[in-house]
Amino acid sequence: MPPAVSQSDTSGSENTISISTSFNPTSYPARPDLIFSTSDMVIFYAHSQVLRCFPSEAFGKVLWGQNEDHTSMTGSDVIHQISDSSAVFNVILHALYGTSPARNSPSFEILAAAVCRMQFYGINPKDVITTLTPLYHLLLSYAPLFPLDLYSLAGHYGLESLAVATSSHLLSYPILSVSDEMAERMGPIYLKRLFCLHFSRINALKQTLLTAPYPHPPTKECTFTQQKALTRAWALASAYLAWDARPGKR
């Protein structure tokens, strides 16, 4: 959950209001004209001008629903209820503003949940997760810990750059242990790429192993006969290693 400032009710009741430290009335020079309240009762202040910067107007379903009069979306007297937690919503707003939620230390599960919820708010993940955005790099920082989950997430939403960058962490992954659910999530294209990555790696290893060292002019320390014996030993050992090589084998 992102840090929030709590304000007590002056009437002496036990009610408190938590306000996001990243998106409060003084977070940006421009005066906010949108107020959101998350499922865990944290208030976020935002700017409609930022939300309109995207091809599909973000938050359209939340702000005005089926109402074509978009002027009703703004106004500090309206608090829009959000069904997501403050931790997830915080990541989504940071993505729209092009800022990093890293200081809130969101877990990978929170980041993944935020990406999955973007389409509900009319946000295309491809628009806010690119190699130039902080969210891309924050997601990529989890690649060593959750390589398959991140690769599947990237494949599901067509985030090719993120999938490619993550794939290097899957070279030693036991590919046959990929579940049906995970395979379906990443989709046929990225599943095929993952298999091709593993098998091309094995073929490259076999080609390297089966190429014996090139002979050199004989010397007193290493005669031509000794080189032939070494070549035979190399061939036997490399054939054994190449035969046993397979995805996930360390």
Protein backbone atom coordinates (compact mmCIF):
# COMPACT_ATOMS: atom_id res chain seq x y z
CA MET A 1 0.00 0.00 0.00
CA PRO A 2 1.37 3.45 -0.91
CA PRO A 3 2.16 5.85 1.92
CA ALA A 4 -0.85 7.92 2.89
CA VAL A 5 -1.47 10.84 5.16
CA SER A 6 -4.29 10.30 7.67
CA GLN A 7 -6.53 13.17 8.69
CA SER A 8 -8.93 12.82 11.63
CA ASP A 9 -12.47 14.11 11.68
CA THR A 10 -12.52 17.34 13.71
CA SER A 11 -15.84 16.36 15.27
CA GLY A 12 -14.03 13.87 17.50
CA SER A 13 -15.32 10.74 15.77
CA GLU A 14 -13.11 7.80 14.92
CA ASN A 15 -13.37 8.39 11.17
CA THR A 16 -10.11 9.09 9.37
CA ILE A 17 -9.31 10.02 5.80
CA SER A 18 -6.15 8.69 4.19
CA ILE A 19 -4.70 10.73 1.34
CA SER A 20 -2.08 9.45 -1.07
CA THR A 21 1.34 11.04 -0.60
CA SER A 22 2.03 10.74 -4.34
CA PHE A 23 -1.30 12.10 -5.56
CA ASN A 24 -2.57 14.73 -3.16
CA PRO A 25 -3.75 18.31 -3.80
CA THR A 26 -0.18 19.68 -3.65
CA SER A 27 1.67 16.93 -5.52
CA TYR A 28 1.69 18.88 -8.80
CA PRO A 29 1.65 22.60 -9.63
CA ALA A 30 -1.68 22.37 -11.46
CA ARG A 31 -4.81 22.15 -9.33
CA PRO A 32 -6.36 18.66 -9.48
CA ASP A 33 -9.92 18.37 -10.74
CA LEU A 34 -10.52 14.66 -10.08
CA ILE A 35 -10.86 12.79 -6.80
CA PHE A 36 -10.80 9.01 -6.45
CA SER A 37 -11.46 6.84 -3.42
CA THR A 38 -10.09 3.29 -3.47
CA SER A 39 -11.55 0.17 -1.91
CA ASP A 40 -9.37 0.60 1.18
CA MET A 41 -10.49 4.23 1.60
CA VAL A 42 -7.44 6.11 0.34
CA ILE A 43 -8.06 9.37 -1.53
CA PHE A 44 -6.19 10.17 -4.76
CA TYR A 45 -6.22 13.53 -6.56
CA ALA A 46 -5.63 13.60 -10.31
CA HIS A 47 -5.90 15.80 -13.40
CA SER A 48 -8.34 15.17 -16.24
CA GLN A 49 -5.85 16.75 -18.65
CA VAL A 50 -3.40 13.91 -17.99
CA LEU A 51 -6.06 11.26 -18.52
CA ARG A 52 -7.03 12.79 -21.87
CA CYS A 53 -3.48 12.47 -23.21
CA PHE A 54 -4.05 8.86 -24.21
CA PRO A 55 -5.65 7.60 -27.46
CA SER A 56 -8.54 6.04 -25.57
CA GLU A 57 -9.58 8.41 -22.83
CA ALA A 58 -8.53 6.73 -19.63
CA PHE A 59 -11.10 6.17 -16.90
CA GLY A 60 -14.03 6.92 -19.19
CA LYS A 61 -16.09 4.04 -17.77
CA VAL A 62 -15.41 5.16 -14.20
CA LEU A 63 -15.89 8.88 -14.70
CA TRP A 64 -18.97 9.15 -16.85
CA GLY A 65 -20.12 5.64 -17.72
CA GLN A 66 -22.53 5.77 -20.63
CA ASN A 67 -23.06 9.51 -20.29
CA GLU A 68 -21.85 11.35 -23.39
CA ASP A 69 -21.63 14.64 -21.51
CA HIS A 70 -17.95 14.43 -20.59
CA THR A 71 -18.08 17.73 -18.72
CA SER A 72 -19.52 15.87 -15.75
CA MET A 73 -16.26 13.99 -15.20
CA THR A 74 -14.56 16.88 -13.45
CA GLY A 75 -15.26 18.80 -10.29
CA SER A 76 -13.79 18.64 -6.82
CA ASP A 77 -17.22 17.94 -5.30
CA VAL A 78 -17.43 14.48 -6.88
CA ILE A 79 -15.52 11.52 -5.44
CA HIS A 80 -15.26 8.62 -7.88
CA GLN A 81 -15.28 5.22 -6.23
CA ILE A 82 -12.58 2.77 -7.33
CA SER A 83 -12.95 -0.97 -6.74
CA ASP A 84 -9.19 -1.56 -6.66
CA SER A 85 -6.88 -1.25 -3.67
CA SER A 86 -4.75 1.84 -3.19
CA ALA A 87 -1.59 -0.17 -3.95
CA VAL A 88 -2.88 -1.22 -7.38
CA PHE A 89 -4.45 2.14 -8.19
CA ASN A 90 -1.25 3.95 -7.20
CA VAL A 91 0.71 1.99 -9.83
CA ILE A 92 -1.91 2.75 -12.50
CA LEU A 93 -1.83 6.49 -11.82
CA HIS A 94 1.97 6.53 -11.82
CA ALA A 95 1.86 4.81 -15.21
CA LEU A 96 -0.44 7.50 -16.59
CA TYR A 97 1.73 10.30 -15.20
CA GLY A 98 4.93 8.67 -16.43
CA THR A 99 6.40 8.58 -12.93
CA SER A 100 7.81 5.69 -10.93
CA PRO A 101 6.01 4.00 -8.02
CA ALA A 102 9.33 2.46 -6.92
CA ARG A 103 9.46 4.46 -3.70
CA ASN A 104 6.30 2.66 -2.59
CA SER A 105 8.08 -0.70 -3.10
CA PRO A 106 5.19 -2.47 -4.87
CA SER A 107 5.52 -6.24 -5.03
CA PHE A 108 5.51 -8.08 -8.35
CA GLU A 109 1.98 -9.27 -7.60
CA ILE A 110 0.80 -5.67 -7.21
CA LEU A 111 2.51 -4.59 -10.44
CA ALA A 112 1.02 -7.51 -12.35
CA ALA A 113 -2.43 -6.80 -10.92
CA ALA A 114 -2.13 -3.15 -11.97
CA VAL A 115 -1.22 -4.12 -15.54
CA CYS A 116 -4.15 -6.54 -15.67
CA ARG A 117 -6.56 -3.84 -14.47
CA MET A 118 -5.47 -1.20 -16.96
CA GLN A 119 -7.86 -2.29 -19.69
CA PHE A 120 -10.79 -1.93 -17.28
CA TYR A 121 -9.93 1.77 -17.06
CA GLY A 122 -9.55 2.12 -20.82
CA ILE A 123 -5.75 2.07 -20.75
CA ASN A 124 -3.72 0.07 -23.26
CA PRO A 125 -0.68 -1.36 -21.43
CA LYS A 126 1.36 -0.83 -24.61
CA ASP A 127 0.91 2.93 -24.20
CA VAL A 128 2.38 3.11 -20.71
CA ILE A 129 4.87 0.22 -20.64
CA THR A 130 7.68 0.96 -23.07
CA THR A 131 11.45 0.98 -22.78
CA LEU A 132 11.24 4.70 -21.97
CA THR A 133 8.82 4.45 -19.05
CA PRO A 134 9.65 3.86 -15.36
CA LEU A 135 7.06 1.10 -15.06
CA TYR A 136 8.85 -0.94 -17.73
CA HIS A 137 12.12 -0.85 -15.80
CA LEU A 138 10.41 -1.57 -12.49
CA LEU A 139 8.74 -4.64 -13.97
CA LEU A 140 12.02 -5.76 -15.53
CA SER A 141 13.74 -5.55 -12.15
CA TYR A 142 11.64 -8.57 -11.12
CA ALA A 143 12.79 -10.69 -14.09
CA PRO A 144 15.45 -12.60 -12.09
CA LEU A 145 12.86 -13.57 -9.47
CA PHE A 146 9.74 -14.14 -11.58
CA PRO A 147 10.98 -14.73 -15.15
CA LEU A 148 8.15 -16.93 -16.41
CA ASP A 149 5.40 -14.88 -14.75
CA LEU A 150 6.79 -11.66 -16.21
CA TYR A 151 7.32 -13.21 -19.65
CA SER A 152 3.73 -14.50 -19.62
CA LEU A 153 2.43 -11.10 -18.56
CA ALA A 154 4.38 -9.40 -21.34
CA GLY A 155 3.24 -11.95 -23.91
CA HIS A 156 -0.41 -11.67 -22.86
CA TYR A 157 -0.44 -7.92 -23.51
CA GLY A 158 1.95 -7.91 -26.47
CA LEU A 159 4.74 -6.09 -24.63
CA GLU A 160 7.44 -7.41 -26.96
CA SER A 161 10.40 -5.41 -25.64
CA LEU A 162 9.66 -6.53 -22.09
CA ALA A 163 9.25 -10.15 -23.18
CA VAL A 164 12.55 -10.12 -25.09
CA ALA A 165 14.43 -8.57 -22.17
CA THR A 166 12.92 -11.10 -19.77
CA SER A 167 13.61 -14.15 -21.95
CA SER A 168 17.33 -14.17 -21.10
CA HIS A 169 16.35 -15.17 -17.56
CA LEU A 170 14.49 -18.22 -18.91
CA LEU A 171 17.47 -19.94 -20.55
CA SER A 172 17.86 -22.37 -17.65
CA TYR A 173 14.14 -22.71 -16.96
CA PRO A 174 12.76 -26.28 -17.25
CA ILE A 175 10.53 -25.51 -20.20
CA LEU A 176 8.54 -28.75 -19.99
CA SER A 177 7.23 -27.64 -16.60
CA VAL A 178 5.30 -24.71 -18.12
CA SER A 179 1.69 -25.22 -17.05
CA ASP A 180 -1.25 -25.17 -19.46
CA GLU A 181 -2.55 -22.06 -17.73
CA MET A 182 0.75 -20.24 -18.16
CA ALA A 183 1.03 -21.34 -21.80
CA GLU A 184 -2.47 -20.10 -22.53
CA ARG A 185 -1.74 -16.81 -20.81
CA MET A 186 1.39 -15.99 -22.80
CA GLY A 187 -0.29 -17.07 -26.05
CA PRO A 188 0.90 -19.26 -28.94
CA ILE A 189 3.32 -16.71 -30.42
CA TYR A 190 5.32 -16.16 -27.26
CA LEU A 191 5.14 -19.84 -26.29
CA LYS A 192 6.66 -20.75 -29.67
CA ARG A 193 9.36 -18.12 -29.20
CA LEU A 194 10.22 -19.58 -25.81
CA PHE A 195 10.58 -23.09 -27.24
CA CYS A 196 12.63 -21.80 -30.17
CA LEU A 197 14.90 -19.93 -27.76
CA HIS A 198 15.64 -23.12 -25.85
CA PHE A 199 16.14 -25.38 -28.86
CA SER A 200 18.29 -22.89 -30.75
CA ARG A 201 20.45 -22.60 -27.66
CA ILE A 202 20.86 -26.38 -27.54
CA ASN A 203 21.73 -26.55 -31.24
CA ALA A 204 24.34 -23.84 -30.80
CA LEU A 205 25.83 -25.74 -27.85
CA LYS A 206 25.98 -28.98 -29.85
CA GLN A 207 27.62 -27.27 -32.79
CA THR A 208 30.24 -25.76 -30.51
CA LEU A 209 30.95 -29.02 -28.69
CA LEU A 210 31.17 -31.20 -31.79
CA THR A 211 33.77 -28.96 -33.41
CA ALA A 212 37.11 -30.46 -32.35
CA PRO A 213 40.11 -28.20 -31.66
CA TYR A 214 42.03 -27.41 -34.84
CA PRO A 215 45.40 -29.23 -34.98
CA HIS A 216 48.62 -27.29 -34.70
CA PRO A 217 52.14 -28.06 -35.93
CA PRO A 218 53.59 -30.91 -33.85
CA THR A 219 56.02 -30.11 -31.04
CA LYS A 220 58.05 -32.16 -28.60
CA GLU A 221 55.40 -31.61 -25.92
CA CYS A 222 52.45 -32.38 -28.23
CA THR A 223 53.11 -34.68 -31.17
CA PHE A 224 50.73 -35.41 -34.05
CA THR A 225 49.88 -38.79 -32.47
CA GLN A 226 48.98 -37.10 -29.18
CA GLN A 227 46.79 -34.61 -31.03
CA LYS A 228 44.89 -37.44 -32.74
CA ALA A 229 44.31 -39.09 -29.36
CA LEU A 230 43.05 -35.80 -27.94
CA THR A 231 40.72 -35.36 -30.91
CA ARG A 232 39.20 -38.82 -30.35
CA ALA A 233 38.75 -38.11 -26.64
CA TRP A 234 37.15 -34.75 -27.46
CA ALA A 235 34.75 -36.40 -29.91
CA LEU A 236 33.64 -38.99 -27.36
CA ALA A 237 33.18 -36.49 -24.54
CA SER A 238 31.40 -33.89 -26.69
CA ALA A 239 29.07 -36.53 -28.17
CA TYR A 240 28.06 -37.58 -24.66
CA LEU A 241 27.44 -33.98 -23.57
CA ALA A 242 25.56 -33.08 -26.76
CA TRP A 243 23.33 -36.15 -26.46
CA ASP A 244 22.45 -35.30 -22.85
CA ALA A 245 21.84 -31.61 -23.51
CA ARG A 246 18.22 -30.49 -23.17
CA PRO A 247 16.21 -27.46 -21.97
CA GLY A 248 16.53 -26.97 -18.24
CA LYS A 249 19.64 -29.14 -17.95
CA ARG A 250 22.34 -27.44 -15.90
